[in-house]
C-alpha atoms as a PDB file:
ATOM      1  CA  MET A   1     130.435  61.643 104.007  1.00  0.00           C
ATOM      2  CA  THR A   2     133.399  63.754 103.989  1.00  0.00           C
ATOM      3  CA  SER A   3     135.347  61.864 101.285  1.00  0.00           C
ATOM      4  CA  THR A   4     132.454  62.020  98.849  1.00  0.00           C
ATOM      5  CA  MET A   5     132.071  65.806  99.585  1.00  0.00           C
ATOM      6  CA  LYS A   6     135.990  66.094  98.436  1.00  0.00           C
ATOM      7  CA  GLN A   7     135.619  63.801  95.407  1.00  0.00           C
ATOM      8  CA  THR A   8     132.751  66.125  94.425  1.00  0.00           C
ATOM      9  CA  LYS A   9     134.963  69.312  94.713  1.00  0.00           C
ATOM     10  CA  LEU A  10     137.537  67.350  92.974  1.00  0.00           C
ATOM     11  CA  LYS A  11     135.507  66.689  89.994  1.00  0.00           C
ATOM     12  CA  GLU A  12     134.173  70.104  90.230  1.00  0.00           C
ATOM     13  CA  SER A  13     137.854  71.544  90.051  1.00  0.00           C
ATOM     14  CA  ILE A  14     138.645  69.217  87.068  1.00  0.00           C
ATOM     15  CA  SER A  15     135.826  70.351  85.405  1.00  0.00           C
ATOM     16  CA  PHE A  16     136.205  73.971  85.220  1.00  0.00           C
ATOM     17  CA  ILE A  17     139.761  73.663  84.431  1.00  0.00           C
ATOM     18  CA  LEU A  18     139.083  71.617  81.494  1.00  0.00           C
ATOM     19  CA  GLY A  19     136.196  74.447  80.900  1.00  0.00           C
ATOM     20  CA  ILE A  20     138.836  76.960  80.970  1.00  0.00           C
ATOM     21  CA  LEU A  21     141.025  74.706  78.184  1.00  0.00           C
ATOM     22  CA  LEU A  22     138.396  74.324  76.038  1.00  0.00           C
ATOM     23  CA  LEU A  23     137.417  78.081  76.191  1.00  0.00           C
ATOM     24  CA  GLY A  24     140.700  78.345  75.079  1.00  0.00           C
ATOM     25  CA  LEU A  25     140.573  75.783  71.819  1.00  0.00           C
ATOM     26  CA  LEU A  26     137.342  77.719  70.845  1.00  0.00           C
ATOM     27  CA  ILE A  27     139.792  81.107  70.950  1.00  0.00           C
ATOM     28  CA  GLN A  28     142.223  78.879  68.621  1.00  0.00           C
ATOM     29  CA  VAL A  29     140.154  77.812  66.277  1.00  0.00           C
ATOM     30  CA  ALA A  30     138.256  81.145  66.081  1.00  0.00           C
ATOM     31  CA  GLY A  31     141.360  82.307  65.232  1.00  0.00           C
ATOM     32  CA  TYR A  32     142.390  79.926  62.716  1.00  0.00           C
ATOM     33  CA  LEU A  33     139.030  80.090  60.847  1.00  0.00           C
ATOM     34  CA  ARG A  34     139.198  84.007  60.825  1.00  0.00           C
ATOM     35  CA  GLY A  35     142.414  83.933  59.827  1.00  0.00           C
ATOM     36  CA  ASP A  36     143.120  86.742  62.224  1.00  0.00           C
ATOM     37  CA  ARG A  37     145.496  86.386  65.313  1.00  0.00           C
ATOM     38  CA  LEU A  38     145.342  90.078  65.852  1.00  0.00           C
ATOM     39  CA  VAL A  39     141.178  89.480  67.227  1.00  0.00           C
ATOM     40  CA  PHE A  40     142.044  86.034  68.278  1.00  0.00           C
ATOM     41  CA  PRO A  41     145.734  85.916  69.617  1.00  0.00           C
ATOM     42  CA  GLY A  42     147.161  82.448  70.806  1.00  0.00           C
ATOM     43  CA  VAL A  43     146.277  81.388  74.173  1.00  0.00           C
ATOM     44  CA  PRO A  44     149.981  81.298  75.428  1.00  0.00           C
ATOM     45  CA  GLU A  45     149.744  85.203  74.420  1.00  0.00           C
ATOM     46  CA  ILE A  46     146.646  85.943  76.340  1.00  0.00           C
ATOM     47  CA  ILE A  47     148.256  83.820  79.074  1.00  0.00           C
ATOM     48  CA  ARG A  48     151.390  85.925  79.041  1.00  0.00           C
ATOM     49  CA  ALA A  49     149.128  89.508  78.947  1.00  0.00           C
ATOM     50  CA  PHE A  50     147.221  87.840  81.812  1.00  0.00           C
ATOM     51  CA  PHE A  51     150.178  87.277  84.112  1.00  0.00           C
ATOM     52  CA  LEU A  52     151.762  91.002  82.974  1.00  0.00           C
ATOM     53  CA  LEU A  53     148.447  92.804  84.340  1.00  0.00           C
ATOM     54  CA  LEU A  54     148.400  90.756  87.392  1.00  0.00           C
ATOM     55  CA  GLY A  55     151.587  92.288  87.840  1.00  0.00           C
ATOM     56  CA  LYS A  56     151.224  95.974  87.469  1.00  0.00           C
ATOM     57  CA  ALA A  57     149.634  97.847  90.319  1.00  0.00           C
ATOM     58  CA  SER A  58     147.333  99.767  88.335  1.00  0.00           C
ATOM     59  CA  THR A  59     145.336  96.641  87.685  1.00  0.00           C
ATOM     60  CA  TYR A  60     144.090  96.350  91.210  1.00  0.00           C
ATOM     61  CA  LYS A  61     143.300 100.093  91.099  1.00  0.00           C
ATOM     62  CA  LEU A  62     141.082  99.063  88.583  1.00  0.00           C
ATOM     63  CA  ILE A  63     139.983  96.094  90.036  1.00  0.00           C
ATOM     64  CA  TRP A  64     138.624  98.083  93.290  1.00  0.00           C
ATOM     65  CA  THR A  65     137.005 100.795  91.038  1.00  0.00           C
ATOM     66  CA  SER A  66     134.983  97.940  89.455  1.00  0.00           C
ATOM     67  CA  MET A  67     134.155  95.706  92.373  1.00  0.00           C
ATOM     68  CA  LEU A  68     133.237  98.882  94.420  1.00  0.00           C
ATOM     69  CA  HIS A  69     130.793  99.441  91.412  1.00  0.00           C
ATOM     70  CA  LEU A  70     129.784  95.702  91.780  1.00  0.00           C
ATOM     71  CA  ILE A  71     129.160  95.237  95.695  1.00  0.00           C
ATOM     72  CA  GLN A  72     127.171  99.112  95.936  1.00  0.00           C
ATOM     73  CA  ALA A  73     125.395  97.879  93.190  1.00  0.00           C
ATOM     74  CA  VAL A  74     124.544  94.276  94.601  1.00  0.00           C
ATOM     75  CA  ALA A  75     123.961  95.678  98.191  1.00  0.00           C
ATOM     76  CA  LEU A  76     121.672  98.213  96.859  1.00  0.00           C
ATOM     77  CA  SER A  77     119.555  95.937  94.269  1.00  0.00           C
ATOM     78  CA  SER A  78     119.808  93.132  97.369  1.00  0.00           C
ATOM     79  CA  LEU A  79     117.913  95.686 100.091  1.00  0.00           C
ATOM     80  CA  LEU A  80     115.644  97.203  97.789  1.00  0.00           C
ATOM     81  CA  GLY A  81     114.937  93.666  96.512  1.00  0.00           C
ATOM     82  CA  VAL A  82     114.132  91.806  99.421  1.00  0.00           C
ATOM     83  CA  ILE A  83     111.502  94.846 100.546  1.00  0.00           C
ATOM     84  CA  ILE A  84     109.694  94.955  97.190  1.00  0.00           C
ATOM     85  CA  GLY A  85     109.712  91.059  96.994  1.00  0.00           C
ATOM     86  CA  LEU A  86     108.381  90.611 100.542  1.00  0.00           C
ATOM     87  CA  ILE A  87     105.498  92.885  99.434  1.00  0.00           C
ATOM     88  CA  GLU A  88     105.248  91.303  96.404  1.00  0.00           C
ATOM     89  CA  GLY A  89     104.947  87.665  98.145  1.00  0.00           C
ATOM     90  CA  ALA A  90     102.856  89.505 101.478  1.00  0.00           C
ATOM     91  CA  SER A  91     100.171  90.700  98.831  1.00  0.00           C
ATOM     92  CA  ASP A  92      98.883  89.814  95.555  1.00  0.00           C
ATOM     93  CA  PHE A  93      97.805  92.960  94.413  1.00  0.00           C
ATOM     94  CA  ALA A  94     101.020  94.658  94.941  1.00  0.00           C
ATOM     95  CA  GLY A  95     102.539  92.121  93.194  1.00  0.00           C
ATOM     96  CA  THR A  96     100.555  92.378  90.164  1.00  0.00           C
ATOM     97  CA  LEU A  97     100.938  96.152  90.431  1.00  0.00           C
ATOM     98  CA  LEU A  98     104.566  95.872  90.789  1.00  0.00           C
ATOM     99  CA  LYS A  99     104.820  93.301  87.949  1.00  0.00           C
ATOM    100  CA  PRO A 100     105.058  95.369  84.358  1.00  0.00           C
ATOM    101  CA  LEU A 101     107.925  97.638  86.141  1.00  0.00           C
ATOM    102  CA  MET A 102     109.698  94.560  87.209  1.00  0.00           C
ATOM    103  CA  ILE A 103     109.093  93.315  83.067  1.00  0.00           C
ATOM    104  CA  LEU A 104     110.563  96.686  82.108  1.00  0.00           C
ATOM    105  CA  LEU A 105     113.616  96.661  83.823  1.00  0.00           C
ATOM    106  CA  ARG A 106     114.055  93.072  83.382  1.00  0.00           C
ATOM    107  CA  SER A 107     113.369  93.605  79.328  1.00  0.00           C
ATOM    108  CA  ILE A 108     114.913  97.097  78.074  1.00  0.00           C
ATOM    109  CA  PRO A 109     118.032  96.699  76.587  1.00  0.00           C
ATOM    110  CA  MET A 110     120.847  97.322  78.486  1.00  0.00           C
ATOM    111  CA  ILE A 111     122.028 100.625  76.272  1.00  0.00           C
ATOM    112  CA  VAL A 112     118.747 102.605  76.333  1.00  0.00           C
ATOM    113  CA  MET A 113     118.730 102.146  80.264  1.00  0.00           C
ATOM    114  CA  VAL A 114     122.122 103.910  80.013  1.00  0.00           C
ATOM    115  CA  VAL A 115     121.317 106.195  77.805  1.00  0.00           C
ATOM    116  CA  ILE A 116     118.397 107.249  80.032  1.00  0.00           C
ATOM    117  CA  ILE A 117     120.456 107.307  83.218  1.00  0.00           C
ATOM    118  CA  MET A 118     123.733 109.267  81.283  1.00  0.00           C
ATOM    119  CA  VAL A 119     120.501 111.877  80.416  1.00  0.00           C
ATOM    120  CA  LEU A 120     119.289 112.203  84.071  1.00  0.00           C
ATOM    121  CA  THR A 121     122.367 112.330  86.576  1.00  0.00           C
ATOM    122  CA  LYS A 122     126.282 112.412  86.480  1.00  0.00           C
ATOM    123  CA  TYR A 123     128.346 109.797  84.539  1.00  0.00           C
ATOM    124  CA  ASP A 124     130.007 108.564  87.464  1.00  0.00           C
ATOM    125  CA  ARG A 125     127.123 107.831  88.872  1.00  0.00           C
ATOM    126  CA  VAL A 126     125.341 105.725  85.828  1.00  0.00           C
ATOM    127  CA  PRO A 127     127.473 102.377  86.722  1.00  0.00           C
ATOM    128  CA  LEU A 128     126.017 101.964  90.079  1.00  0.00           C
ATOM    129  CA  ILE A 129     122.272 103.314  89.070  1.00  0.00           C
ATOM    130  CA  ALA A 130     122.158 101.121  85.766  1.00  0.00           C
ATOM    131  CA  SER A 131     123.267  97.768  87.139  1.00  0.00           C
ATOM    132  CA  THR A 132     121.167  98.038  90.389  1.00  0.00           C
ATOM    133  CA  LEU A 133     117.951  98.555  88.061  1.00  0.00           C
ATOM    134  CA  PHE A 134     118.897  95.854  86.308  1.00  0.00           C
ATOM    135  CA  LEU A 135     119.383  93.387  89.336  1.00  0.00           C
ATOM    136  CA  LEU A 136     116.291  94.574  90.881  1.00  0.00           C
ATOM    137  CA  PRO A 137     113.809  92.225  89.601  1.00  0.00           C
ATOM    138  CA  LEU A 138     116.150  89.124  89.821  1.00  0.00           C
ATOM    139  CA  ILE A 139     116.534  89.770  93.840  1.00  0.00           C
ATOM    140  CA  SER A 140     112.870  90.777  94.106  1.00  0.00           C
ATOM    141  CA  GLU A 141     111.746  87.386  92.237  1.00  0.00           C
ATOM    142  CA  ALA A 142     113.938  84.841  93.843  1.00  0.00           C
ATOM    143  CA  VAL A 143     112.702  86.966  97.422  1.00  0.00           C
ATOM    144  CA  CYS A 144     109.179  86.696  96.408  1.00  0.00           C
ATOM    145  CA  GLU A 145     109.087  83.149  95.369  1.00  0.00           C
ATOM    146  CA  GLY A 146     110.893  82.249  98.434  1.00  0.00           C
ATOM    147  CA  TYR A 147     108.208  83.921 100.547  1.00  0.00           C
ATOM    148  CA  ARG A 148     105.340  82.296  98.734  1.00  0.00           C
ATOM    149  CA  ASN A 149     106.921  78.724  99.247  1.00  0.00           C
ATOM    150  CA  ILE A 150     107.395  79.396 102.933  1.00  0.00           C
ATOM    151  CA  ASP A 151     105.320  76.412 104.739  1.00  0.00           C
ATOM    152  CA  SER A 152     102.068  78.073 105.943  1.00  0.00           C
ATOM    153  CA  ASP A 153     102.416  76.068 108.858  1.00  0.00           C
ATOM    154  CA  LEU A 154     105.785  78.215 109.982  1.00  0.00           C
ATOM    155  CA  ILE A 155     104.141  81.413 109.429  1.00  0.00           C
ATOM    156  CA  ASP A 156     100.970  80.253 111.185  1.00  0.00           C
ATOM    157  CA  VAL A 157     102.981  79.386 114.280  1.00  0.00           C
ATOM    158  CA  TYR A 158     104.859  82.783 114.011  1.00  0.00           C
ATOM    159  CA  ARG A 159     101.422  84.753 113.814  1.00  0.00           C
ATOM    160  CA  LEU A 160     100.537  83.342 117.314  1.00  0.00           C
ATOM    161  CA  ASN A 161     103.216  84.575 118.866  1.00  0.00           C
ATOM    162  CA  GLY A 162     102.702  88.090 117.822  1.00  0.00           C
ATOM    163  CA  PRO A 163     102.737  90.571 114.534  1.00  0.00           C
ATOM    164  CA  LEU A 164     104.949  90.603 111.697  1.00  0.00           C
ATOM    165  CA  SER A 165     107.946  92.938 112.665  1.00  0.00           C
ATOM    166  CA  PHE A 166     111.566  93.134 111.535  1.00  0.00           C
ATOM    167  CA  TYR A 167     112.717  90.344 114.237  1.00  0.00           C
ATOM    168  CA  VAL A 168     110.287  87.803 112.348  1.00  0.00           C
ATOM    169  CA  LEU A 169     111.343  88.928 108.810  1.00  0.00           C
ATOM    170  CA  SER A 170     114.942  88.420 110.154  1.00  0.00           C
ATOM    171  CA  HIS A 171     114.701  84.736 112.431  1.00  0.00           C
ATOM    172  CA  VAL A 172     111.932  83.480 110.297  1.00  0.00           C
ATOM    173  CA  HIS A 173     111.173  84.555 106.983  1.00  0.00           C
ATOM    174  CA  LEU A 174     114.737  85.097 105.462  1.00  0.00           C
ATOM    175  CA  PRO A 175     116.498  81.957 106.830  1.00  0.00           C
ATOM    176  CA  LEU A 176     113.558  80.072 105.170  1.00  0.00           C
ATOM    177  CA  MET A 177     114.238  81.792 101.914  1.00  0.00           C
ATOM    178  CA  ALA A 178     118.284  81.425 102.263  1.00  0.00           C
ATOM    179  CA  GLY A 179     118.216  79.116  99.495  1.00  0.00           C
ATOM    180  CA  TYR A 180     116.439  81.409  97.053  1.00  0.00           C
ATOM    181  CA  LEU A 181     118.992  84.654  98.309  1.00  0.00           C
ATOM    182  CA  LYS A 182     121.632  82.282  97.778  1.00  0.00           C
ATOM    183  CA  GLN A 183     120.979  81.512  94.363  1.00  0.00           C
ATOM    184  CA  ALA A 184     119.980  84.885  93.327  1.00  0.00           C
ATOM    185  CA  PHE A 185     123.164  86.582  94.931  1.00  0.00           C
ATOM    186  CA  ILE A 186     125.242  84.128  92.722  1.00  0.00           C
ATOM    187  CA  SER A 187     123.082  84.982  89.570  1.00  0.00           C
ATOM    188  CA  ALA A 188     123.632  88.670  90.746  1.00  0.00           C
ATOM    189  CA  VAL A 189     127.153  88.655  91.583  1.00  0.00           C
ATOM    190  CA  GLY A 190     127.907  87.378  87.247  1.00  0.00           C
ATOM    191  CA  MET A 191     125.252  89.399  86.013  1.00  0.00           C
ATOM    192  CA  GLY A 192     125.930  92.132  87.844  1.00  0.00           C
ATOM    193  CA  LEU A 193     130.002  92.586  87.266  1.00  0.00           C
ATOM    194  CA  LYS A 194     129.120  92.339  83.284  1.00  0.00           C
ATOM    195  CA  LEU A 195     126.804  95.184  84.023  1.00  0.00           C
ATOM    196  CA  VAL A 196     129.110  97.329  85.621  1.00  0.00           C
ATOM    197  CA  VAL A 197     132.196  96.745  83.336  1.00  0.00           C
ATOM    198  CA  SER A 198     129.562  97.374  80.138  1.00  0.00           C
ATOM    199  CA  THR A 199     128.108 100.489  82.016  1.00  0.00           C
ATOM    200  CA  GLU A 200     132.017 101.366  82.380  1.00  0.00           C
ATOM    201  CA  TYR A 201     132.673 100.968  78.818  1.00  0.00           C
ATOM    202  CA  LEU A 202     129.876 103.054  77.764  1.00  0.00           C
ATOM    203  CA  VAL A 203     130.769 106.201  80.291  1.00  0.00           C
ATOM    204  CA  GLN A 204     134.362 105.973  79.943  1.00  0.00           C
ATOM    205  CA  THR A 205     134.694 105.243  83.951  1.00  0.00           C
ATOM    206  CA  LYS A 206     138.068 106.508  84.925  1.00  0.00           C
ATOM    207  CA  ASN A 207     140.325 103.975  86.296  1.00  0.00           C
ATOM    208  CA  SER A 208     138.031 100.926  86.057  1.00  0.00           C
ATOM    209  CA  LEU A 209     137.832  97.545  83.717  1.00  0.00           C
ATOM    210  CA  GLY A 210     135.523  98.928  81.461  1.00  0.00           C
ATOM    211  CA  LYS A 211     137.807 101.823  80.814  1.00  0.00           C
ATOM    212  CA  ALA A 212     140.533  99.558  80.257  1.00  0.00           C
ATOM    213  CA  VAL A 213     138.872  97.055  77.861  1.00  0.00           C
ATOM    214  CA  HIS A 214     137.949 100.431  75.985  1.00  0.00           C
ATOM    215  CA  SER A 215     141.506 101.475  75.799  1.00  0.00           C
ATOM    216  CA  SER A 216     143.074  97.922  74.904  1.00  0.00           C
ATOM    217  CA  SER A 217     140.451  97.679  71.768  1.00  0.00           C
ATOM    218  CA  TYR A 218     141.098 101.276  70.546  1.00  0.00           C
ATOM    219  CA  PHE A 219     144.975 100.001  70.713  1.00  0.00           C
ATOM    220  CA  ASN A 220     144.434  97.106  68.925  1.00  0.00           C
ATOM    221  CA  GLU A 221     145.604  95.205  72.062  1.00  0.00           C
ATOM    222  CA  TYR A 222     143.011  92.069  72.495  1.00  0.00           C
ATOM    223  CA  GLN A 223     144.861  89.717  74.340  1.00  0.00           C
ATOM    224  CA  ASP A 224     144.725  92.234  77.224  1.00  0.00           C
ATOM    225  CA  ILE A 225     140.776  92.491  76.554  1.00  0.00           C
ATOM    226  CA  TYR A 226     140.944  88.557  76.967  1.00  0.00           C
ATOM    227  CA  ALA A 227     142.815  88.849  80.187  1.00  0.00           C
ATOM    228  CA  TYR A 228     140.723  91.301  81.607  1.00  0.00           C
ATOM    229  CA  ALA A 229     138.073  88.900  80.403  1.00  0.00           C
ATOM    230  CA  LEU A 230     140.112  86.130  82.997  1.00  0.00           C
ATOM    231  CA  ILE A 231     139.978  88.332  85.600  1.00  0.00           C
ATOM    232  CA  MET A 232     136.726  89.112  85.259  1.00  0.00           C
ATOM    233  CA  ILE A 233     136.030  85.251  85.589  1.00  0.00           C
ATOM    234  CA  PHE A 234     137.933  84.585  88.932  1.00  0.00           C
ATOM    235  CA  LEU A 235     136.380  87.696  90.657  1.00  0.00           C
ATOM    236  CA  VAL A 236     133.195  86.453  89.792  1.00  0.00           C
ATOM    237  CA  LEU A 237     134.630  82.882  91.104  1.00  0.00           C
ATOM    238  CA  LEU A 238     135.723  84.759  94.361  1.00  0.00           C
ATOM    239  CA  VAL A 239     132.571  86.797  95.102  1.00  0.00           C
ATOM    240  CA  SER A 240     129.981  83.861  94.530  1.00  0.00           C
ATOM    241  CA  ALA A 241     131.749  81.771  97.289  1.00  0.00           C
ATOM    242  CA  VAL A 242     131.333  84.576  99.472  1.00  0.00           C
ATOM    243  CA  PRO A 243     127.977  83.182 100.530  1.00  0.00           C
ATOM    244  CA  SER A 244     129.071  79.367 101.554  1.00  0.00           C
ATOM    245  CA  ALA A 245     131.984  81.120 103.438  1.00  0.00           C
ATOM    246  CA  ILE A 246     129.762  83.303 105.787  1.00  0.00           C
ATOM    247  CA  ALA A 247     127.447  79.754 106.142  1.00  0.00           C
ATOM    248  CA  LYS A 248     130.371  78.010 106.981  1.00  0.00           C
ATOM    249  CA  ILE A 249     131.855  80.716 109.381  1.00  0.00           C
ATOM    250  CA  SER A 250     128.156  81.001 111.090  1.00  0.00           C
ATOM    251  CA  ARG A 251     127.856  77.442 111.601  1.00  0.00           C
ATOM    252  CA  LEU A 252     131.304  76.837 113.439  1.00  0.00           C
ATOM    253  CA  PHE A 253     130.350  80.013 115.442  1.00  0.00           C
ATOM    254  CA  ILE A 254     127.557  78.795 116.384  1.00  0.00           C
ATOM    255  CA  LYS A 255     128.598  75.375 117.211  1.00  0.00           C
ATOM    256  CA  SER A 256     131.490  77.213 119.440  1.00  0.00           C
ATOM    257  CA  ASN A 257     128.567  78.844 121.520  1.00  0.00           C
ATOM    258  CA  LYS A 258     126.755  75.622 122.225  1.00  0.00           C
ATOM    259  CA  LYS A 259     129.920  74.392 123.283  1.00  0.00           C
END
């Protein structure tokens, strides 16, 4: 079993590395077809820019600003999404009532949402508010689907022991919906970082990846733009691994307590 898991992880790692090489090849081909090495620089130039950025202390300040926005947006959208999703899952009326709002948040163009929020609040709040609103339907729909797919026999068992409470939600419902929540979280992290950086770009948030990308495009430093894209890919992979890490730590903690 362990050997099979190791082989699977090895295959995934190899596939991921090949995927990065394929991406580099596509950039090279695009540069060749376009005949513009300024917009499509060579892979060695991008890699050089990547390591140069990692060697600068200012880069980590940019990463921290964007990651803080991402963490706040995912946390807030998760909190609101779980509450709304549970309400939608428990009540068909509530689900139908909130459906138009969720469709609006899911389908409205990002630029329109950002412009509206820019008018209503301060610019430094836009990345958090806009990203939270866009991620909200993703989380709430996963929670609603998970709630409605819980085995009805399990629901009947907890009802025999008392009314619905926070304890029941945290110890019965949420663990049974863990698969849906994990997948929603992984999707939210990837989409959330793109939303955060895009909104930072639009509102020119100071000391952020979005502002850095804007500055690089203004000065025609396209190799830095691709390098920032690589940084964001690794950030998404790092944050996406959090649920699995937490699950492993929890299992180890439970086993140690049993002993």
